[in-house]
Amino acid sequence: MTKTYTEALAEWVKQRQEKRPGQDLAAVAFMAVREDVKAAIGAGYAQKTIWAHLHETGKIPYRYETFLKHVRKHIKEAKREEVPKAAKVIPDNPTKAAVGRKKDTKPTRKEGFTFEATPRKEDLI
C-alpha cells in the first residue's frame, strides 16, 4: 500500500528535524553562557576570542556568525532596553512657564543655521 503525499511529507520532516540541530539549541546554549560572555566583554576581551574559547571547550557548537547574532540580540539590545529614556516634563499651563522669565530679556538663539537678510557687523570680516 502506498503512502499519501502528506504522510510521506510528514515522515520526511520528522527525519530532517532529527538530523539537523535547530535554532533553539543554539539559543539555549548561548543563554547558558550569556553571563560569562557579558563579563568577558566587560573585561575587554574581543568577541572572536570569547567565541573561540567557548567553541573549543564545547560550550557552544555553532559558528561565529551565530554567536554574534546572539550577542547582538541578547546582550547589546537588552542593554539598550534597560536604560530608561528621559521623560519630558510638560507644564500644566504653558503660560506659567513663561511667568518666571524677565520681560526685557531676548529669547535665546536656536542652535544651528539661521538666515538673516541683514548682516551683523560682528559677523563680517
N, C-alpha and C. Protein backbone atom coordinates (compact mmCIF):
# COMPACT_ATOMS: atom_id res chain seq x y z
N MET A 1 0.84 -1.16 0.00
CA MET A 1 0.00 0.00 0.00
C MET A 1 0.90 1.24 0.00
N THR A 2 0.61 2.18 -0.86
CA THR A 2 1.43 3.39 -0.97
C THR A 2 0.94 4.45 0.00
N LYS A 3 1.88 5.25 0.42
CA LYS A 3 1.56 6.33 1.34
C LYS A 3 1.05 7.53 0.56
N THR A 4 0.22 8.31 1.23
CA THR A 4 -0.22 9.56 0.61
C THR A 4 0.94 10.55 0.69
N TYR A 5 0.82 11.59 -0.11
CA TYR A 5 1.89 12.59 -0.14
C TYR A 5 2.05 13.25 1.23
N THR A 6 0.97 13.55 1.89
CA THR A 6 1.09 14.22 3.20
C THR A 6 1.74 13.32 4.24
N GLU A 7 1.48 12.03 4.18
CA GLU A 7 2.14 11.10 5.10
C GLU A 7 3.63 11.03 4.83
N ALA A 8 4.00 10.97 3.55
CA ALA A 8 5.42 10.92 3.17
C ALA A 8 6.12 12.22 3.57
N LEU A 9 5.43 13.33 3.39
CA LEU A 9 6.00 14.63 3.75
C LEU A 9 6.20 14.72 5.27
N ALA A 10 5.24 14.27 6.02
CA ALA A 10 5.34 14.30 7.48
C ALA A 10 6.51 13.44 7.96
N GLU A 11 6.71 12.29 7.36
CA GLU A 11 7.81 11.42 7.72
C GLU A 11 9.15 12.07 7.38
N TRP A 12 9.22 12.69 6.21
CA TRP A 12 10.45 13.37 5.79
C TRP A 12 10.80 14.53 6.72
N VAL A 13 9.80 15.31 7.12
CA VAL A 13 10.04 16.44 8.03
C VAL A 13 10.55 15.93 9.37
N LYS A 14 9.99 14.85 9.86
CA LYS A 14 10.41 14.29 11.14
C LYS A 14 11.86 13.82 11.08
N GLN A 15 12.25 13.15 9.99
CA GLN A 15 13.63 12.69 9.83
C GLN A 15 14.59 13.87 9.71
N ARG A 16 14.17 14.87 9.01
CA ARG A 16 15.01 16.05 8.80
C ARG A 16 15.27 16.79 10.11
N GLN A 17 14.26 16.90 10.94
CA GLN A 17 14.41 17.58 12.22
C GLN A 17 15.35 16.82 13.15
N GLU A 18 15.36 15.51 13.07
CA GLU A 18 16.22 14.71 13.92
C GLU A 18 17.69 14.87 13.52
N LYS A 19 17.95 15.03 12.23
CA LYS A 19 19.31 15.13 11.74
C LYS A 19 19.92 16.49 12.00
N ARG A 20 19.16 17.53 11.93
CA ARG A 20 19.65 18.90 11.94
C ARG A 20 19.35 19.59 13.26
N PRO A 21 20.37 20.13 13.93
CA PRO A 21 20.08 20.86 15.17
C PRO A 21 19.35 22.16 14.85
N GLY A 22 18.39 22.47 15.63
CA GLY A 22 17.59 23.66 15.37
C GLY A 22 18.17 24.90 15.99
N GLN A 23 17.56 26.02 15.67
CA GLN A 23 18.00 27.29 16.22
C GLN A 23 17.76 27.34 17.72
N ASP A 24 16.80 26.59 18.18
CA ASP A 24 16.51 26.58 19.61
C ASP A 24 17.71 26.08 20.41
N LEU A 25 18.39 25.07 19.89
CA LEU A 25 19.54 24.53 20.60
C LEU A 25 20.66 25.57 20.69
N ALA A 26 20.84 26.35 19.63
CA ALA A 26 21.87 27.40 19.65
C ALA A 26 21.51 28.48 20.66
N ALA A 27 20.24 28.86 20.70
CA ALA A 27 19.80 29.89 21.64
C ALA A 27 19.94 29.40 23.08
N VAL A 28 19.59 28.16 23.33
CA VAL A 28 19.70 27.60 24.68
C VAL A 28 21.17 27.54 25.10
N ALA A 29 22.04 27.13 24.18
CA ALA A 29 23.46 27.06 24.50
C ALA A 29 24.01 28.45 24.81
N PHE A 30 23.57 29.47 24.06
CA PHE A 30 24.05 30.82 24.32
C PHE A 30 23.53 31.34 25.65
N MET A 31 22.26 31.10 25.94
CA MET A 31 21.69 31.59 27.20
C MET A 31 22.40 30.96 28.40
N ALA A 32 22.93 29.76 28.24
CA ALA A 32 23.65 29.11 29.33
C ALA A 32 24.96 29.82 29.65
N VAL A 33 25.57 30.46 28.64
CA VAL A 33 26.86 31.12 28.86
C VAL A 33 26.76 32.64 28.74
N ARG A 34 25.56 33.17 28.71
CA ARG A 34 25.35 34.61 28.50
C ARG A 34 26.05 35.46 29.55
N GLU A 35 25.94 35.12 30.81
CA GLU A 35 26.56 35.91 31.86
C GLU A 35 28.09 35.89 31.74
N ASP A 36 28.65 34.75 31.35
CA ASP A 36 30.09 34.66 31.14
C ASP A 36 30.51 35.56 29.98
N VAL A 37 29.71 35.57 28.92
CA VAL A 37 30.02 36.40 27.76
C VAL A 37 29.94 37.88 28.14
N LYS A 38 28.91 38.25 28.91
CA LYS A 38 28.79 39.64 29.38
C LYS A 38 30.02 40.06 30.17
N ALA A 39 30.45 39.20 31.08
CA ALA A 39 31.60 39.51 31.92
C ALA A 39 32.87 39.63 31.08
N ALA A 40 33.04 38.75 30.10
CA ALA A 40 34.23 38.79 29.26
C ALA A 40 34.25 40.04 28.38
N ILE A 41 33.09 40.43 27.84
CA ILE A 41 33.01 41.66 27.04
C ILE A 41 33.30 42.86 27.93
N GLY A 42 32.77 42.85 29.13
CA GLY A 42 33.03 43.93 30.08
C GLY A 42 34.50 44.01 30.48
N ALA A 43 35.19 42.88 30.48
CA ALA A 43 36.61 42.86 30.82
C ALA A 43 37.48 43.29 29.65
N GLY A 44 36.87 43.44 28.46
CA GLY A 44 37.62 43.95 27.31
C GLY A 44 38.08 42.90 26.32
N TYR A 45 37.65 41.68 26.46
CA TYR A 45 38.03 40.64 25.50
C TYR A 45 37.27 40.81 24.20
N ALA A 46 37.91 40.46 23.09
CA ALA A 46 37.28 40.53 21.78
C ALA A 46 36.25 39.41 21.66
N GLN A 47 35.19 39.68 20.93
CA GLN A 47 34.12 38.69 20.78
C GLN A 47 34.64 37.45 20.06
N LYS A 48 35.56 37.63 19.14
CA LYS A 48 36.13 36.49 18.41
C LYS A 48 36.90 35.58 19.37
N THR A 49 37.62 36.16 20.31
CA THR A 49 38.37 35.39 21.30
C THR A 49 37.43 34.63 22.22
N ILE A 50 36.35 35.31 22.64
CA ILE A 50 35.37 34.67 23.52
C ILE A 50 34.73 33.49 22.81
N TRP A 51 34.33 33.69 21.54
CA TRP A 51 33.71 32.61 20.78
C TRP A 51 34.67 31.45 20.60
N ALA A 52 35.93 31.75 20.26
CA ALA A 52 36.91 30.68 20.02
C ALA A 52 37.09 29.81 21.27
N HIS A 53 37.16 30.45 22.43
CA HIS A 53 37.32 29.69 23.68
C HIS A 53 36.09 28.84 23.97
N LEU A 54 34.91 29.44 23.85
CA LEU A 54 33.68 28.69 24.12
C LEU A 54 33.49 27.56 23.12
N HIS A 55 33.89 27.79 21.87
CA HIS A 55 33.74 26.77 20.83
C HIS A 55 34.70 25.60 21.07
N GLU A 56 35.95 25.93 21.42
CA GLU A 56 36.94 24.87 21.67
C GLU A 56 36.62 24.05 22.91
N THR A 57 36.04 24.70 23.92
CA THR A 57 35.68 23.95 25.13
C THR A 57 34.37 23.19 24.98
N GLY A 58 33.67 23.40 23.86
CA GLY A 58 32.45 22.66 23.58
C GLY A 58 31.20 23.24 24.21
N LYS A 59 31.28 24.45 24.75
CA LYS A 59 30.10 25.05 25.37
C LYS A 59 29.12 25.56 24.33
N ILE A 60 29.62 26.01 23.18
CA ILE A 60 28.74 26.41 22.08
C ILE A 60 29.21 25.73 20.80
N PRO A 61 28.33 24.98 20.13
CA PRO A 61 28.75 24.21 18.97
C PRO A 61 28.53 24.90 17.63
N TYR A 62 28.19 26.18 17.62
CA TYR A 62 27.83 26.83 16.36
C TYR A 62 28.87 27.83 15.89
N ARG A 63 28.62 28.39 14.69
CA ARG A 63 29.58 29.28 14.04
C ARG A 63 29.65 30.64 14.71
N TYR A 64 30.70 31.37 14.34
CA TYR A 64 30.95 32.70 14.91
C TYR A 64 29.83 33.67 14.55
N GLU A 65 29.29 33.59 13.34
CA GLU A 65 28.21 34.49 12.91
C GLU A 65 26.97 34.31 13.79
N THR A 66 26.67 33.08 14.15
CA THR A 66 25.53 32.81 15.02
C THR A 66 25.79 33.37 16.41
N PHE A 67 27.03 33.24 16.88
CA PHE A 67 27.42 33.80 18.18
C PHE A 67 27.21 35.31 18.18
N LEU A 68 27.65 35.99 17.11
CA LEU A 68 27.48 37.45 17.02
C LEU A 68 26.01 37.83 17.03
N LYS A 69 25.18 37.05 16.34
CA LYS A 69 23.74 37.33 16.31
C LYS A 69 23.15 37.25 17.72
N HIS A 70 23.56 36.24 18.47
CA HIS A 70 23.04 36.09 19.84
C HIS A 70 23.57 37.18 20.77
N VAL A 71 24.82 37.59 20.59
CA VAL A 71 25.37 38.68 21.41
C VAL A 71 24.59 39.95 21.14
N ARG A 72 24.35 40.24 19.87
CA ARG A 72 23.60 41.44 19.49
C ARG A 72 22.18 41.40 20.06
N LYS A 73 21.55 40.26 19.96
CA LYS A 73 20.16 40.15 20.37
C LYS A 73 19.98 40.11 21.89
N HIS A 74 20.80 39.33 22.57
CA HIS A 74 20.56 39.07 23.98
C HIS A 74 21.39 39.93 24.93
N ILE A 75 22.43 40.58 24.43
CA ILE A 75 23.25 41.40 25.32
C ILE A 75 23.16 42.87 24.94
N LYS A 76 23.47 43.20 23.70
CA LYS A 76 23.53 44.61 23.32
C LYS A 76 22.15 45.25 23.24
N GLU A 77 21.18 44.60 22.63
CA GLU A 77 19.83 45.17 22.56
C GLU A 77 19.17 45.16 23.94
N ALA A 78 19.46 44.16 24.74
CA ALA A 78 18.90 44.11 26.09
C ALA A 78 19.45 45.25 26.94
N LYS A 79 20.71 45.61 26.71
CA LYS A 79 21.31 46.72 27.45
C LYS A 79 20.63 48.03 27.08
N ARG A 80 20.31 48.21 25.79
CA ARG A 80 19.62 49.43 25.36
C ARG A 80 18.24 49.54 25.99
N GLU A 81 17.55 48.42 26.12
CA GLU A 81 16.20 48.44 26.68
C GLU A 81 16.22 48.74 28.18
N GLU A 82 17.32 48.42 28.86
CA GLU A 82 17.40 48.66 30.30
C GLU A 82 17.53 50.13 30.63
N VAL A 83 18.16 50.91 29.75
CA VAL A 83 18.38 52.33 30.00
C VAL A 83 17.07 53.06 29.75
N PRO A 84 16.47 53.65 30.80
CA PRO A 84 15.19 54.35 30.59
C PRO A 84 15.40 55.67 29.88
N LYS A 85 14.46 56.00 29.02
CA LYS A 85 14.52 57.27 28.32
C LYS A 85 14.05 58.38 29.25
N ALA A 86 14.67 59.54 29.13
CA ALA A 86 14.29 60.67 29.98
C ALA A 86 12.91 61.15 29.56
N ALA A 87 12.07 61.33 30.54
CA ALA A 87 10.71 61.78 30.27
C ALA A 87 10.68 63.29 30.17
N LYS A 88 9.93 63.78 29.20
CA LYS A 88 9.79 65.22 29.06
C LYS A 88 8.81 65.73 30.11
N VAL A 89 9.14 66.87 30.69
CA VAL A 89 8.25 67.48 31.67
C VAL A 89 7.48 68.57 30.95
N ILE A 90 6.19 68.39 30.85
CA ILE A 90 5.34 69.36 30.20
C ILE A 90 4.57 70.09 31.28
N PRO A 91 4.71 71.42 31.32
CA PRO A 91 3.98 72.16 32.36
C PRO A 91 2.48 72.05 32.14
N ASP A 92 1.74 72.14 33.25
CA ASP A 92 0.28 72.07 33.17
C ASP A 92 -0.27 73.22 32.35
N ASN A 93 0.27 74.39 32.59
CA ASN A 93 -0.19 75.57 31.88
C ASN A 93 1.03 76.24 31.24
N PRO A 94 1.10 76.32 29.91
CA PRO A 94 2.28 76.88 29.27
C PRO A 94 2.54 78.33 29.66
N THR A 95 1.54 79.08 30.05
CA THR A 95 1.77 80.46 30.44
C THR A 95 2.48 80.54 31.78
N LYS A 96 2.33 79.55 32.63
CA LYS A 96 3.02 79.54 33.92
C LYS A 96 4.52 79.44 33.72
N ALA A 97 4.96 78.71 32.71
CA ALA A 97 6.38 78.56 32.46
C ALA A 97 6.99 79.89 32.03
N ALA A 98 6.23 80.69 31.35
CA ALA A 98 6.75 81.97 30.87
C ALA A 98 6.70 83.04 31.96
N VAL A 99 6.00 82.84 33.05
CA VAL A 99 5.85 83.85 34.10
C VAL A 99 7.18 84.17 34.76
N GLY A 100 8.04 83.18 34.97
CA GLY A 100 9.30 83.40 35.65
C GLY A 100 10.32 84.14 34.80
N ARG A 101 10.11 84.30 33.50
CA ARG A 101 11.05 84.94 32.63
C ARG A 101 10.94 86.46 32.72
N LYS A 102 12.07 87.15 32.66
CA LYS A 102 12.04 88.61 32.65
C LYS A 102 11.53 89.07 31.31
N LYS A 103 10.78 90.14 31.30
CA LYS A 103 10.18 90.61 30.06
C LYS A 103 11.19 91.30 29.15
N ASP A 104 12.28 91.87 29.70
CA ASP A 104 13.21 92.60 28.86
C ASP A 104 14.30 91.71 28.27
N THR A 105 14.36 90.42 28.62
CA THR A 105 15.38 89.55 28.05
C THR A 105 14.90 89.01 26.71
N LYS A 106 15.86 88.85 25.81
CA LYS A 106 15.55 88.30 24.49
C LYS A 106 15.57 86.78 24.59
N PRO A 107 14.77 86.11 23.81
CA PRO A 107 14.83 84.65 23.81
C PRO A 107 16.18 84.20 23.25
N THR A 108 16.66 83.09 23.73
CA THR A 108 17.96 82.59 23.28
C THR A 108 17.88 82.14 21.83
N ARG A 109 19.02 82.25 21.13
CA ARG A 109 19.08 81.83 19.74
C ARG A 109 19.03 80.31 19.65
N LYS A 110 18.36 79.84 18.65
CA LYS A 110 18.31 78.40 18.44
C LYS A 110 19.64 77.95 17.85
N GLU A 111 20.00 76.71 18.18
CA GLU A 111 21.23 76.15 17.67
C GLU A 111 21.06 75.86 16.18
N GLY A 112 22.16 75.90 15.45
CA GLY A 112 22.13 75.57 14.03
C GLY A 112 22.14 76.83 13.18
N PHE A 113 21.88 76.69 11.92
CA PHE A 113 21.95 77.79 10.97
C PHE A 113 20.62 78.52 10.91
N THR A 114 20.68 79.84 10.98
CA THR A 114 19.51 80.67 10.74
C THR A 114 19.94 81.77 9.78
N PHE A 115 19.13 82.03 8.80
CA PHE A 115 19.45 83.05 7.80
C PHE A 115 18.89 84.38 8.23
N GLU A 116 19.75 85.41 8.20
CA GLU A 116 19.32 86.77 8.47
C GLU A 116 19.67 87.59 7.24
N ALA A 117 18.69 88.31 6.70
CA ALA A 117 18.90 89.07 5.47
C ALA A 117 19.86 90.24 5.68
N THR A 118 19.84 90.84 6.85
CA THR A 118 20.75 91.95 7.12
C THR A 118 21.93 91.43 7.93
N PRO A 119 23.17 91.64 7.43
CA PRO A 119 24.33 91.11 8.15
C PRO A 119 24.62 91.93 9.41
N ARG A 120 25.16 91.27 10.41
CA ARG A 120 25.57 91.95 11.63
C ARG A 120 27.04 92.33 11.48
N LYS A 121 27.43 93.48 12.03
CA LYS A 121 28.79 93.95 11.88
C LYS A 121 29.82 93.01 12.52
N GLU A 122 29.48 92.39 13.64
CA GLU A 122 30.43 91.50 14.29
C GLU A 122 30.68 90.21 13.52
N ASP A 123 29.73 89.84 12.61
CA ASP A 123 29.91 88.64 11.79
C ASP A 123 30.77 88.90 10.56
N LEU A 124 30.89 90.16 10.15
CA LEU A 124 31.67 90.50 8.96
C LEU A 124 33.16 90.44 9.27
N ILE A 125 33.92 90.13 8.27
CA ILE A 125 35.37 90.03 8.44
C ILE A 125 36.00 91.41 8.40
